[in-house]
């Protein structure tokens, strides 16, 4: 994801932050995700000429603790590339609401053409 520093001005780039850069503890720390509007403290690092945020913690410098959240916000992202084919043959379904059962996510590989992935 990306962070927008408080001193951000029009034209400034947001800082990339990898999930592994978020310092979290607790029984489900590996599942911890930041949500839009969260305040954080972080260190700015440079890799391959690009700036990113590392050591992302709570504003007071302590690690995030998953049990402190009332709920876990699920976020998802999907993208695909057509590769060497003339058209994109893969399909995906993201966040299809199934009511009390939760949500449905699927990736459908189009090795046999679009008819296979759309069926």
PDB file of N, CA and C in Angstrom:
ATOM      1  N   UNK A   1       0.806  -1.172   0.000  1.00  0.00           N
ATOM      2  CA  UNK A   1       0.000   0.000   0.000  1.00  0.00           C
ATOM      3  C   UNK A   1       0.859   1.249   0.000  1.00  0.00           C
ATOM      4  N   UNK A   2       0.237   2.362   0.288  1.00  0.00           N
ATOM      5  CA  UNK A   2       0.936   3.639   0.284  1.00  0.00           C
ATOM      6  C   UNK A   2       0.564   4.464   1.509  1.00  0.00           C
ATOM      7  N   UNK A   3       1.512   5.259   1.964  1.00  0.00           N
ATOM      8  CA  UNK A   3       1.296   6.195   3.059  1.00  0.00           C
ATOM      9  C   UNK A   3       1.413   7.609   2.529  1.00  0.00           C
ATOM     10  N   UNK A   4       0.627   8.486   3.078  1.00  0.00           N
ATOM     11  CA  UNK A   4       0.719   9.901   2.734  1.00  0.00           C
ATOM     12  C   UNK A   4       1.161  10.639   4.002  1.00  0.00           C
ATOM     13  N   UNK A   5       2.414  11.142   4.025  1.00  0.00           N
ATOM     14  CA  UNK A   5       2.894  11.878   5.207  1.00  0.00           C
ATOM     15  C   UNK A   5       2.053  13.114   5.491  1.00  0.00           C
ATOM     16  N   UNK A   6       1.971  13.506   6.753  1.00  0.00           N
ATOM     17  CA  UNK A   6       1.174  14.667   7.141  1.00  0.00           C
ATOM     18  C   UNK A   6       1.673  15.943   6.471  1.00  0.00           C
ATOM     19  N   UNK A   7       2.959  16.003   6.160  1.00  0.00           N
ATOM     20  CA  UNK A   7       3.530  17.184   5.513  1.00  0.00           C
ATOM     21  C   UNK A   7       3.413  17.099   3.990  1.00  0.00           C
ATOM     22  N   UNK A   8       2.557  16.227   3.501  1.00  0.00           N
ATOM     23  CA  UNK A   8       2.382  16.017   2.073  1.00  0.00           C
ATOM     24  C   UNK A   8       1.819  17.276   1.428  1.00  0.00           C
ATOM     25  N   UNK A   9       2.376  17.630   0.278  1.00  0.00           N
ATOM     26  CA  UNK A   9       1.895  18.781  -0.489  1.00  0.00           C
ATOM     27  C   UNK A   9       1.515  18.314  -1.884  1.00  0.00           C
ATOM     28  N   UNK A  10       0.654  19.057  -2.536  1.00  0.00           N
ATOM     29  CA  UNK A  10       0.223  18.720  -3.893  1.00  0.00           C
ATOM     30  C   UNK A  10       1.448  18.465  -4.771  1.00  0.00           C
ATOM     31  N   UNK A  11       1.442  17.336  -5.453  1.00  0.00           N
ATOM     32  CA  UNK A  11       2.556  16.979  -6.329  1.00  0.00           C
ATOM     33  C   UNK A  11       3.553  16.032  -5.677  1.00  0.00           C
ATOM     34  N   UNK A  12       3.540  15.924  -4.340  1.00  0.00           N
ATOM     35  CA  UNK A  12       4.418  14.973  -3.651  1.00  0.00           C
ATOM     36  C   UNK A  12       3.909  13.553  -3.875  1.00  0.00           C
ATOM     37  N   UNK A  13       4.832  12.630  -3.983  1.00  0.00           N
ATOM     38  CA  UNK A  13       4.451  11.224  -4.150  1.00  0.00           C
ATOM     39  C   UNK A  13       4.153  10.597  -2.794  1.00  0.00           C
ATOM     40  N   UNK A  14       3.174   9.703  -2.761  1.00  0.00           N
ATOM     41  CA  UNK A  14       2.927   8.925  -1.555  1.00  0.00           C
ATOM     42  C   UNK A  14       4.085   7.940  -1.386  1.00  0.00           C
ATOM     43  N   UNK A  15       4.291   7.466  -0.165  1.00  0.00           N
ATOM     44  CA  UNK A  15       5.374   6.526   0.116  1.00  0.00           C
ATOM     45  C   UNK A  15       4.857   5.095   0.066  1.00  0.00           C
ATOM     46  N   UNK A  16       5.541   4.246  -0.661  1.00  0.00           N
ATOM     47  CA  UNK A  16       5.182   2.836  -0.702  1.00  0.00           C
ATOM     48  C   UNK A  16       5.506   2.201   0.641  1.00  0.00           C
ATOM     49  N   UNK A  17       4.627   1.329   1.109  1.00  0.00           N
ATOM     50  CA  UNK A  17       4.901   0.554   2.331  1.00  0.00           C
ATOM     51  C   UNK A  17       4.503  -0.894   2.063  1.00  0.00           C
ATOM     52  N   UNK A  18       5.471  -1.782   2.271  1.00  0.00           N
ATOM     53  CA  UNK A  18       5.216  -3.213   2.112  1.00  0.00           C
ATOM     54  C   UNK A  18       4.631  -3.743   3.409  1.00  0.00           C
ATOM     55  N   UNK A  19       3.788  -4.739   3.315  1.00  0.00           N
ATOM     56  CA  UNK A  19       3.155  -5.322   4.508  1.00  0.00           C
ATOM     57  C   UNK A  19       4.205  -5.747   5.535  1.00  0.00           C
ATOM     58  N   UNK A  20       5.346  -6.233   5.076  1.00  0.00           N
ATOM     59  CA  UNK A  20       6.401  -6.674   5.993  1.00  0.00           C
ATOM     60  C   UNK A  20       7.034  -5.523   6.753  1.00  0.00           C
ATOM     61  N   UNK A  21       6.800  -4.285   6.320  1.00  0.00           N
ATOM     62  CA  UNK A  21       7.370  -3.119   6.999  1.00  0.00           C
ATOM     63  C   UNK A  21       6.533  -2.682   8.192  1.00  0.00           C
ATOM     64  N   UNK A  22       5.323  -3.238   8.333  1.00  0.00           N
ATOM     65  CA  UNK A  22       4.440  -2.889   9.446  1.00  0.00           C
ATOM     66  C   UNK A  22       4.789  -3.769  10.636  1.00  0.00           C
ATOM     67  N   UNK A  23       5.134  -3.143  11.750  1.00  0.00           N
ATOM     68  CA  UNK A  23       5.526  -3.873  12.962  1.00  0.00           C
ATOM     69  C   UNK A  23       4.269  -4.147  13.773  1.00  0.00           C
ATOM     70  N   UNK A  24       3.909  -5.435  13.874  1.00  0.00           N
ATOM     71  CA  UNK A  24       2.687  -5.824  14.580  1.00  0.00           C
ATOM     72  C   UNK A  24       2.964  -7.034  15.461  1.00  0.00           C
ATOM     73  N   UNK A  25       2.220  -7.114  16.542  1.00  0.00           N
ATOM     74  CA  UNK A  25       2.319  -8.234  17.473  1.00  0.00           C
ATOM     75  C   UNK A  25       0.930  -8.774  17.730  1.00  0.00           C
ATOM     76  N   UNK A  26       0.866  -9.916  18.368  1.00  0.00           N
ATOM     77  CA  UNK A  26      -0.427 -10.483  18.738  1.00  0.00           C
ATOM     78  C   UNK A  26      -0.657 -11.810  18.070  1.00  0.00           C
ATOM     79  N   UNK A  27      -1.770 -12.426  18.421  1.00  0.00           N
ATOM     80  CA  UNK A  27      -2.053 -13.779  17.955  1.00  0.00           C
ATOM     81  C   UNK A  27      -2.233 -13.870  16.447  1.00  0.00           C
ATOM     82  N   UNK A  28      -2.616 -12.790  15.801  1.00  0.00           N
ATOM     83  CA  UNK A  28      -2.825 -12.814  14.349  1.00  0.00           C
ATOM     84  C   UNK A  28      -2.043 -11.693  13.669  1.00  0.00           C
ATOM     85  N   UNK A  29      -0.825 -11.424  14.149  1.00  0.00           N
ATOM     86  CA  UNK A  29      -0.027 -10.309  13.614  1.00  0.00           C
ATOM     87  C   UNK A  29       0.215 -10.436  12.119  1.00  0.00           C
ATOM     88  N   UNK A  30       0.333 -11.648  11.612  1.00  0.00           N
ATOM     89  CA  UNK A  30       0.577 -11.833  10.176  1.00  0.00           C
ATOM     90  C   UNK A  30      -0.607 -11.356   9.337  1.00  0.00           C
ATOM     91  N   UNK A  31      -1.785 -11.260   9.940  1.00  0.00           N
ATOM     92  CA  UNK A  31      -2.979 -10.820   9.227  1.00  0.00           C
ATOM     93  C   UNK A  31      -3.246  -9.333   9.385  1.00  0.00           C
ATOM     94  N   UNK A  32      -2.388  -8.638  10.100  1.00  0.00           N
ATOM     95  CA  UNK A  32      -2.634  -7.234  10.405  1.00  0.00           C
ATOM     96  C   UNK A  32      -2.573  -6.388   9.146  1.00  0.00           C
ATOM     97  N   UNK A  33      -3.534  -5.496   8.980  1.00  0.00           N
ATOM     98  CA  UNK A  33      -3.540  -4.552   7.861  1.00  0.00           C
ATOM     99  C   UNK A  33      -3.841  -3.160   8.385  1.00  0.00           C
ATOM    100  N   UNK A  34      -3.228  -2.180   7.792  1.00  0.00           N
ATOM    101  CA  UNK A  34      -3.558  -0.797   8.103  1.00  0.00           C
ATOM    102  C   UNK A  34      -4.836  -0.436   7.359  1.00  0.00           C
ATOM    103  N   UNK A  35      -5.597   0.460   7.935  1.00  0.00           N
ATOM    104  CA  UNK A  35      -6.801   0.918   7.257  1.00  0.00           C
ATOM    105  C   UNK A  35      -6.660   2.401   6.949  1.00  0.00           C
ATOM    106  N   UNK A  36      -7.400   2.869   5.976  1.00  0.00           N
ATOM    107  CA  UNK A  36      -7.331   4.270   5.586  1.00  0.00           C
ATOM    108  C   UNK A  36      -7.632   5.154   6.791  1.00  0.00           C
ATOM    109  N   UNK A  37      -6.787   6.147   6.993  1.00  0.00           N
ATOM    110  CA  UNK A  37      -6.965   7.076   8.103  1.00  0.00           C
ATOM    111  C   UNK A  37      -6.154   6.729   9.340  1.00  0.00           C
ATOM    112  N   UNK A  38      -5.527   5.530   9.373  1.00  0.00           N
ATOM    113  CA  UNK A  38      -4.692   5.178  10.513  1.00  0.00           C
ATOM    114  C   UNK A  38      -3.518   6.144  10.617  1.00  0.00           C
ATOM    115  N   UNK A  39      -3.213   6.604  11.823  1.00  0.00           N
ATOM    116  CA  UNK A  39      -2.014   7.404  12.059  1.00  0.00           C
ATOM    117  C   UNK A  39      -0.873   6.460  12.406  1.00  0.00           C
ATOM    118  N   UNK A  40       0.290   6.711  11.848  1.00  0.00           N
ATOM    119  CA  UNK A  40       1.438   5.834  12.060  1.00  0.00           C
ATOM    120  C   UNK A  40       2.712   6.659  12.216  1.00  0.00           C
ATOM    121  N   UNK A  41       3.733   6.017  12.761  1.00  0.00           N
ATOM    122  CA  UNK A  41       5.087   6.571  12.716  1.00  0.00           C
ATOM    123  C   UNK A  41       5.886   5.643  11.810  1.00  0.00           C
ATOM    124  N   UNK A  42       6.881   6.166  11.126  1.00  0.00           N
ATOM    125  CA  UNK A  42       7.645   5.341  10.197  1.00  0.00           C
ATOM    126  C   UNK A  42       8.994   5.987   9.915  1.00  0.00           C
ATOM    127  N   UNK A  43       9.853   5.209   9.285  1.00  0.00           N
ATOM    128  CA  UNK A  43      11.170   5.671   8.854  1.00  0.00           C
ATOM    129  C   UNK A  43      11.173   5.666   7.331  1.00  0.00           C
ATOM    130  N   UNK A  44      11.706   6.707   6.724  1.00  0.00           N
ATOM    131  CA  UNK A  44      11.786   6.766   5.261  1.00  0.00           C
ATOM    132  C   UNK A  44      13.108   6.144   4.824  1.00  0.00           C
ATOM    133  N   UNK A  45      13.024   5.208   3.886  1.00  0.00           N
ATOM    134  CA  UNK A  45      14.205   4.540   3.348  1.00  0.00           C
ATOM    135  C   UNK A  45      14.205   4.681   1.831  1.00  0.00           C
ATOM    136  N   UNK A  46      15.359   4.492   1.232  1.00  0.00           N
ATOM    137  CA  UNK A  46      15.473   4.563  -0.220  1.00  0.00           C
ATOM    138  C   UNK A  46      16.040   3.251  -0.730  1.00  0.00           C
ATOM    139  N   UNK A  47      15.397   2.693  -1.747  1.00  0.00           N
ATOM    140  CA  UNK A  47      15.871   1.474  -2.390  1.00  0.00           C
ATOM    141  C   UNK A  47      15.642   1.620  -3.884  1.00  0.00           C
ATOM    142  N   UNK A  48      16.646   1.332  -4.663  1.00  0.00           N
ATOM    143  CA  UNK A  48      16.556   1.444  -6.119  1.00  0.00           C
ATOM    144  C   UNK A  48      16.096   2.825  -6.562  1.00  0.00           C
ATOM    145  N   UNK A  49      16.501   3.861  -5.836  1.00  0.00           N
ATOM    146  CA  UNK A  49      16.158   5.227  -6.182  1.00  0.00           C
ATOM    147  C   UNK A  49      14.739   5.633  -5.843  1.00  0.00           C
ATOM    148  N   UNK A  50      14.014   4.779  -5.114  1.00  0.00           N
ATOM    149  CA  UNK A  50      12.627   5.084  -4.745  1.00  0.00           C
ATOM    150  C   UNK A  50      12.504   5.135  -3.230  1.00  0.00           C
ATOM    151  N   UNK A  51      11.686   6.067  -2.744  1.00  0.00           N
ATOM    152  CA  UNK A  51      11.459   6.190  -1.309  1.00  0.00           C
ATOM    153  C   UNK A  51      10.343   5.257  -0.866  1.00  0.00           C
ATOM    154  N   UNK A  52      10.497   4.700   0.339  1.00  0.00           N
ATOM    155  CA  UNK A  52       9.456   3.853   0.904  1.00  0.00           C
ATOM    156  C   UNK A  52       9.443   4.029   2.413  1.00  0.00           C
ATOM    157  N   UNK A  53       8.376   3.580   3.038  1.00  0.00           N
ATOM    158  CA  UNK A  53       8.245   3.647   4.494  1.00  0.00           C
ATOM    159  C   UNK A  53       8.631   2.295   5.089  1.00  0.00           C
ATOM    160  N   UNK A  54       9.448   2.311   6.131  1.00  0.00           N
ATOM    161  CA  UNK A  54       9.817   1.091   6.847  1.00  0.00           C
ATOM    162  C   UNK A  54       9.563   1.308   8.333  1.00  0.00           C
ATOM    163  N   UNK A  55       9.659   0.245   9.098  1.00  0.00           N
ATOM    164  CA  UNK A  55       9.473   0.309  10.549  1.00  0.00           C
ATOM    165  C   UNK A  55       8.192   1.078  10.900  1.00  0.00           C
ATOM    166  N   UNK A  56       7.085   0.693  10.266  1.00  0.00           N
ATOM    167  CA  UNK A  56       5.794   1.373  10.438  1.00  0.00           C
ATOM    168  C   UNK A  56       5.157   0.882  11.736  1.00  0.00           C
ATOM    169  N   UNK A  57       4.886   1.828  12.655  1.00  0.00           N
ATOM    170  CA  UNK A  57       4.351   1.505  13.978  1.00  0.00           C
ATOM    171  C   UNK A  57       3.219   2.447  14.340  1.00  0.00           C
ATOM    172  N   UNK A  58       2.649   2.244  15.542  1.00  0.00           N
ATOM    173  CA  UNK A  58       1.666   3.181  16.067  1.00  0.00           C
ATOM    174  C   UNK A  58       2.341   4.536  16.239  1.00  0.00           C
ATOM    175  N   UNK A  59       1.574   5.627  16.316  1.00  0.00           N
ATOM    176  CA  UNK A  59       2.175   6.961  16.461  1.00  0.00           C
ATOM    177  C   UNK A  59       3.087   7.098  17.680  1.00  0.00           C
ATOM    178  N   UNK A  60       2.835   6.321  18.750  1.00  0.00           N
ATOM    179  CA  UNK A  60       3.671   6.396  19.945  1.00  0.00           C
ATOM    180  C   UNK A  60       4.937   5.551  19.840  1.00  0.00           C
ATOM    181  N   UNK A  61       5.144   4.905  18.686  1.00  0.00           N
ATOM    182  CA  UNK A  61       6.352   4.114  18.467  1.00  0.00           C
ATOM    183  C   UNK A  61       6.235   2.652  18.853  1.00  0.00           C
ATOM    184  N   UNK A  62       5.147   2.262  19.487  1.00  0.00           N
ATOM    185  CA  UNK A  62       4.948   0.870  19.868  1.00  0.00           C
ATOM    186  C   UNK A  62       4.382   0.092  18.691  1.00  0.00           C
ATOM    187  N   UNK A  63       4.616  -1.229  18.655  1.00  0.00           N
ATOM    188  CA  UNK A  63       4.042  -2.049  17.579  1.00  0.00           C
ATOM    189  C   UNK A  63       2.520  -2.056  17.647  1.00  0.00           C
ATOM    190  N   UNK A  64       1.895  -2.265  16.505  1.00  0.00           N
ATOM    191  CA  UNK A  64       0.453  -2.476  16.469  1.00  0.00           C
ATOM    192  C   UNK A  64       0.163  -3.829  17.112  1.00  0.00           C
ATOM    193  N   UNK A  65      -0.940  -3.940  17.815  1.00  0.00           N
ATOM    194  CA  UNK A  65      -1.367  -5.202  18.410  1.00  0.00           C
ATOM    195  C   UNK A  65      -2.742  -5.511  17.852  1.00  0.00           C
ATOM    196  N   UNK A  66      -2.862  -6.631  17.162  1.00  0.00           N
ATOM    197  CA  UNK A  66      -4.099  -6.948  16.454  1.00  0.00           C
ATOM    198  C   UNK A  66      -5.291  -7.019  17.393  1.00  0.00           C
ATOM    199  N   UNK A  67      -5.102  -7.519  18.609  1.00  0.00           N
ATOM    200  CA  UNK A  67      -6.229  -7.655  19.522  1.00  0.00           C
ATOM    201  C   UNK A  67      -6.834  -6.306  19.912  1.00  0.00           C
ATOM    202  N   UNK A  68      -6.119  -5.197  19.691  1.00  0.00           N
ATOM    203  CA  UNK A  68      -6.632  -3.881  20.041  1.00  0.00           C
ATOM    204  C   UNK A  68      -7.723  -3.415  19.085  1.00  0.00           C
ATOM    205  N   UNK A  69      -7.835  -4.024  17.918  1.00  0.00           N
ATOM    206  CA  UNK A  69      -8.834  -3.614  16.935  1.00  0.00           C
ATOM    207  C   UNK A  69     -10.150  -4.313  17.210  1.00  0.00           C
ATOM    208  N   UNK A  70     -11.233  -3.620  16.996  1.00  0.00           N
ATOM    209  CA  UNK A  70     -12.547  -4.206  17.169  1.00  0.00           C
ATOM    210  C   UNK A  70     -12.902  -5.108  15.993  1.00  0.00           C
ATOM    211  N   UNK A  71     -12.345  -4.836  14.842  1.00  0.00           N
ATOM    212  CA  UNK A  71     -12.642  -5.646  13.671  1.00  0.00           C
ATOM    213  C   UNK A  71     -11.425  -5.650  12.757  1.00  0.00           C
ATOM    214  N   UNK A  72     -11.365  -6.634  11.889  1.00  0.00           N
ATOM    215  CA  UNK A  72     -10.295  -6.734  10.905  1.00  0.00           C
ATOM    216  C   UNK A  72     -10.867  -6.325   9.557  1.00  0.00           C
ATOM    217  N   UNK A  73     -10.398  -5.227   9.000  1.00  0.00           N
ATOM    218  CA  UNK A  73     -10.874  -4.775   7.696  1.00  0.00           C
ATOM    219  C   UNK A  73     -10.182  -5.585   6.609  1.00  0.00           C
ATOM    220  N   UNK A  74     -10.965  -6.205   5.785  1.00  0.00           N
ATOM    221  CA  UNK A  74     -10.432  -6.993   4.682  1.00  0.00           C
ATOM    222  C   UNK A  74     -10.276  -6.100   3.476  1.00  0.00           C
ATOM    223  N   UNK A  75      -9.081  -6.075   2.948  1.00  0.00           N
ATOM    224  CA  UNK A  75      -8.833  -5.319   1.726  1.00  0.00           C
ATOM    225  C   UNK A  75      -8.276  -6.281   0.687  1.00  0.00           C
ATOM    226  N   UNK A  76      -8.578  -6.033  -0.548  1.00  0.00           N
ATOM    227  CA  UNK A  76      -8.100  -6.913  -1.587  1.00  0.00           C
ATOM    228  C   UNK A  76      -7.709  -6.097  -2.808  1.00  0.00           C
ATOM    229  N   UNK A  77      -6.937  -6.727  -3.635  1.00  0.00           N
ATOM    230  CA  UNK A  77      -6.470  -6.097  -4.874  1.00  0.00           C
ATOM    231  C   UNK A  77      -6.325  -7.206  -5.898  1.00  0.00           C
ATOM    232  N   UNK A  78      -6.695  -6.963  -7.093  1.00  0.00           N
ATOM    233  CA  UNK A  78      -6.529  -7.943  -8.164  1.00  0.00           C
ATOM    234  C   UNK A  78      -6.009  -7.239  -9.404  1.00  0.00           C
ATOM    235  N   UNK A  79      -5.128  -7.908 -10.069  1.00  0.00           N
ATOM    236  CA  UNK A  79      -4.644  -7.401 -11.351  1.00  0.00           C
ATOM    237  C   UNK A  79      -4.146  -8.583 -12.153  1.00  0.00           C
ATOM    238  N   UNK A  80      -4.039  -8.420 -13.433  1.00  0.00           N
ATOM    239  CA  UNK A  80      -3.543  -9.495 -14.279  1.00  0.00           C
ATOM    240  C   UNK A  80      -2.876  -8.902 -15.512  1.00  0.00           C
ATOM    241  N   UNK A  81      -2.041  -9.722 -16.127  1.00  0.00           N
ATOM    242  CA  UNK A  81      -1.325  -9.321 -17.340  1.00  0.00           C
ATOM    243  C   UNK A  81      -1.633 -10.345 -18.417  1.00  0.00           C
ATOM    244  N   UNK A  82      -1.701  -9.881 -19.617  1.00  0.00           N
ATOM    245  CA  UNK A  82      -2.033 -10.787 -20.703  1.00  0.00           C
ATOM    246  C   UNK A  82      -0.851 -11.641 -21.136  1.00  0.00           C
ATOM    247  N   UNK A  83       0.352 -11.277 -20.721  1.00  0.00           N
ATOM    248  CA  UNK A  83       1.536 -12.039 -21.113  1.00  0.00           C
ATOM    249  C   UNK A  83       1.791 -11.897 -22.596  1.00  0.00           C
ATOM    250  N   UNK A  84       2.097 -13.001 -23.258  1.00  0.00           N
ATOM    251  CA  UNK A  84       2.424 -12.964 -24.689  1.00  0.00           C
ATOM    252  C   UNK A  84       1.204 -13.154 -25.583  1.00  0.00           C
ATOM    253  N   UNK A  85       0.045 -13.329 -25.003  1.00  0.00           N
ATOM    254  CA  UNK A  85      -1.172 -13.534 -25.792  1.00  0.00           C
ATOM    255  C   UNK A  85      -1.674 -12.199 -26.364  1.00  0.00           C
ATOM    256  N   UNK A  86      -2.533 -12.287 -27.381  1.00  0.00           N
ATOM    257  CA  UNK A  86      -3.098 -11.091 -28.004  1.00  0.00           C
ATOM    258  C   UNK A  86      -4.149 -10.425 -27.125  1.00  0.00           C
ATOM    259  N   UNK A  87      -4.809 -11.205 -26.263  1.00  0.00           N
ATOM    260  CA  UNK A  87      -5.830 -10.652 -25.380  1.00  0.00           C
ATOM    261  C   UNK A  87      -5.752 -11.323 -24.010  1.00  0.00           C
ATOM    262  N   UNK A  88      -6.280 -10.657 -23.013  1.00  0.00           N
ATOM    263  CA  UNK A  88      -6.307 -11.199 -21.656  1.00  0.00           C
ATOM    264  C   UNK A  88      -7.339 -12.320 -21.600  1.00  0.00           C
ATOM    265  N   UNK A  89      -6.900 -13.518 -21.167  1.00  0.00           N
ATOM    266  CA  UNK A  89      -7.806 -14.660 -21.115  1.00  0.00           C
ATOM    267  C   UNK A  89      -8.167 -15.054 -19.684  1.00  0.00           C
ATOM    268  N   UNK A  90      -7.471 -14.529 -18.695  1.00  0.00           N
ATOM    269  CA  UNK A  90      -7.771 -14.842 -17.303  1.00  0.00           C
ATOM    270  C   UNK A  90      -8.914 -13.966 -16.818  1.00  0.00           C
ATOM    271  N   UNK A  91      -9.634 -14.441 -15.815  1.00  0.00           N
ATOM    272  CA  UNK A  91     -10.704 -13.682 -15.189  1.00  0.00           C
ATOM    273  C   UNK A  91     -10.586 -13.832 -13.681  1.00  0.00           C
ATOM    274  N   UNK A  92     -11.197 -12.929 -12.946  1.00  0.00           N
ATOM    275  CA  UNK A  92     -11.202 -13.035 -11.488  1.00  0.00           C
ATOM    276  C   UNK A  92     -12.491 -12.450 -10.938  1.00  0.00           C
ATOM    277  N   UNK A  93     -12.850 -12.908  -9.752  1.00  0.00           N
ATOM    278  CA  UNK A  93     -14.000 -12.380  -9.023  1.00  0.00           C
ATOM    279  C   UNK A  93     -13.486 -11.965  -7.655  1.00  0.00           C
ATOM    280  N   UNK A  94     -13.771 -10.746  -7.246  1.00  0.00           N
ATOM    281  CA  UNK A  94     -13.239 -10.244  -5.982  1.00  0.00           C
ATOM    282  C   UNK A  94     -14.343  -9.654  -5.119  1.00  0.00           C
ATOM    283  N   UNK A  95     -14.389 -10.092  -3.886  1.00  0.00           N
ATOM    284  CA  UNK A  95     -15.280  -9.488  -2.917  1.00  0.00           C
ATOM    285  C   UNK A  95     -16.754  -9.654  -3.219  1.00  0.00           C
ATOM    286  N   UNK A  96     -17.122 -10.730  -3.894  1.00  0.00           N
ATOM    287  CA  UNK A  96     -18.538 -10.978  -4.160  1.00  0.00           C
ATOM    288  C   UNK A  96     -19.220 -11.290  -2.832  1.00  0.00           C
ATOM    289  N   UNK A  97     -20.179 -10.480  -2.437  1.00  0.00           N
ATOM    290  CA  UNK A  97     -20.840 -10.613  -1.147  1.00  0.00           C
ATOM    291  C   UNK A  97     -21.756 -11.834  -1.130  1.00  0.00           C
ATOM    292  N   UNK A  98     -21.528 -12.730  -0.144  1.00  0.00           N
ATOM    293  CA  UNK A  98     -22.361 -13.911   0.025  1.00  0.00           C
ATOM    294  C   UNK A  98     -23.167 -13.834   1.312  1.00  0.00           C
ATOM    295  N   UNK A  99     -23.432 -12.623   1.778  1.00  0.00           N
ATOM    296  CA  UNK A  99     -24.227 -12.438   2.994  1.00  0.00           C
ATOM    297  C   UNK A  99     -23.513 -12.956   4.227  1.00  0.00           C
ATOM    298  N   UNK A 100     -24.213 -13.762   5.031  1.00  0.00           N
ATOM    299  CA  UNK A 100     -23.645 -14.291   6.272  1.00  0.00           C
ATOM    300  C   UNK A 100     -22.476 -15.238   6.033  1.00  0.00           C
ATOM    301  N   UNK A 101     -22.359 -15.778   4.830  1.00  0.00           N
ATOM    302  CA  UNK A 101     -21.275 -16.715   4.543  1.00  0.00           C
ATOM    303  C   UNK A 101     -19.950 -16.002   4.308  1.00  0.00           C
ATOM    304  N   UNK A 102     -19.947 -14.712   4.080  1.00  0.00           N
ATOM    305  CA  UNK A 102     -18.703 -13.978   3.852  1.00  0.00           C
ATOM    306  C   UNK A 102     -18.605 -13.447   2.442  1.00  0.00           C
ATOM    307  N   UNK A 103     -17.410 -13.522   1.896  1.00  0.00           N
ATOM    308  CA  UNK A 103     -17.161 -13.033   0.542  1.00  0.00           C
ATOM    309  C   UNK A 103     -16.483 -14.112  -0.283  1.00  0.00           C
ATOM    310  N   UNK A 104     -16.635 -14.007  -1.579  1.00  0.00           N
ATOM    311  CA  UNK A 104     -16.094 -14.981  -2.518  1.00  0.00           C
ATOM    312  C   UNK A 104     -14.997 -14.325  -3.354  1.00  0.00           C
ATOM    313  N   UNK A 105     -13.870 -15.008  -3.473  1.00  0.00           N
ATOM    314  CA  UNK A 105     -12.775 -14.551  -4.311  1.00  0.00           C
ATOM    315  C   UNK A 105     -12.364 -15.717  -5.203  1.00  0.00           C
ATOM    316  N   UNK A 106     -12.135 -15.457  -6.462  1.00  0.00           N
ATOM    317  CA  UNK A 106     -11.729 -16.530  -7.359  1.00  0.00           C
ATOM    318  C   UNK A 106     -10.824 -16.026  -8.467  1.00  0.00           C
ATOM    319  N   UNK A 107      -9.912 -16.901  -8.898  1.00  0.00           N
ATOM    320  CA  UNK A 107      -9.033 -16.625 -10.029  1.00  0.00           C
ATOM    321  C   UNK A 107      -9.261 -17.749 -11.035  1.00  0.00           C
ATOM    322  N   UNK A 108      -9.552 -17.378 -12.257  1.00  0.00           N
ATOM    323  CA  UNK A 108      -9.878 -18.352 -13.285  1.00  0.00           C
ATOM    324  C   UNK A 108      -8.860 -18.243 -14.408  1.00  0.00           C
ATOM    325  N   UNK A 109      -8.073 -19.284 -14.567  1.00  0.00           N
ATOM    326  CA  UNK A 109      -6.971 -19.286 -15.516  1.00  0.00           C
ATOM    327  C   UNK A 109      -7.494 -19.571 -16.917  1.00  0.00           C
ATOM    328  N   UNK A 110      -7.120 -18.745 -17.858  1.00  0.00           N
ATOM    329  CA  UNK A 110      -7.623 -18.856 -19.217  1.00  0.00           C
ATOM    330  C   UNK A 110      -6.723 -19.633 -20.151  1.00  0.00           C
ATOM    331  N   UNK A 111      -6.057 -20.695 -19.664  1.00  0.00           N
ATOM    332  CA  UNK A 111      -5.170 -21.456 -20.536  1.00  0.00           C
ATOM    333  C   UNK A 111      -5.901 -21.992 -21.768  1.00  0.00           C
ATOM    334  N   UNK A 112      -7.189 -22.306 -21.623  1.00  0.00           N
ATOM    335  CA  UNK A 112      -7.948 -22.823 -22.747  1.00  0.00           C
ATOM    336  C   UNK A 112      -8.685 -21.733 -23.510  1.00  0.00           C
ATOM    337  N   UNK A 113      -8.352 -20.477 -23.266  1.00  0.00           N
ATOM    338  CA  UNK A 113      -9.052 -19.375 -23.905  1.00  0.00           C
ATOM    339  C   UNK A 113     -10.078 -18.783 -22.957  1.00  0.00           C
ATOM    340  N   UNK A 114     -10.754 -17.717 -23.401  1.00  0.00           N
ATOM    341  CA  UNK A 114     -11.707 -17.037 -22.515  1.00  0.00           C
ATOM    342  C   UNK A 114     -12.905 -17.897 -22.163  1.00  0.00           C
ATOM    343  N   UNK A 115     -13.234 -18.864 -23.007  1.00  0.00           N
ATOM    344  CA  UNK A 115     -14.403 -19.701 -22.732  1.00  0.00           C
ATOM    345  C   UNK A 115     -14.187 -20.520 -21.462  1.00  0.00           C
ATOM    346  N   UNK A 116     -12.967 -20.951 -21.202  1.00  0.00           N
ATOM    347  CA  UNK A 116     -12.669 -21.722 -19.999  1.00  0.00           C
ATOM    348  C   UNK A 116     -12.782 -20.843 -18.764  1.00  0.00           C
ATOM    349  N   UNK A 117     -12.207 -19.665 -18.791  1.00  0.00           N
ATOM    350  CA  UNK A 117     -12.197 -18.802 -17.614  1.00  0.00           C
ATOM    351  C   UNK A 117     -13.547 -18.139 -17.366  1.00  0.00           C
ATOM    352  N   UNK A 118     -14.364 -17.959 -18.390  1.00  0.00           N
ATOM    353  CA  UNK A 118     -15.670 -17.333 -18.202  1.00  0.00           C
ATOM    354  C   UNK A 118     -16.764 -18.339 -17.883  1.00  0.00           C
ATOM    355  N   UNK A 119     -16.511 -19.625 -18.050  1.00  0.00           N
ATOM    356  CA  UNK A 119     -17.499 -20.640 -17.775  1.00  0.00           C
ATOM    357  C   UNK A 119     -17.649 -20.779 -16.309  1.00  0.00           C
TER     358      UNK A 119
END
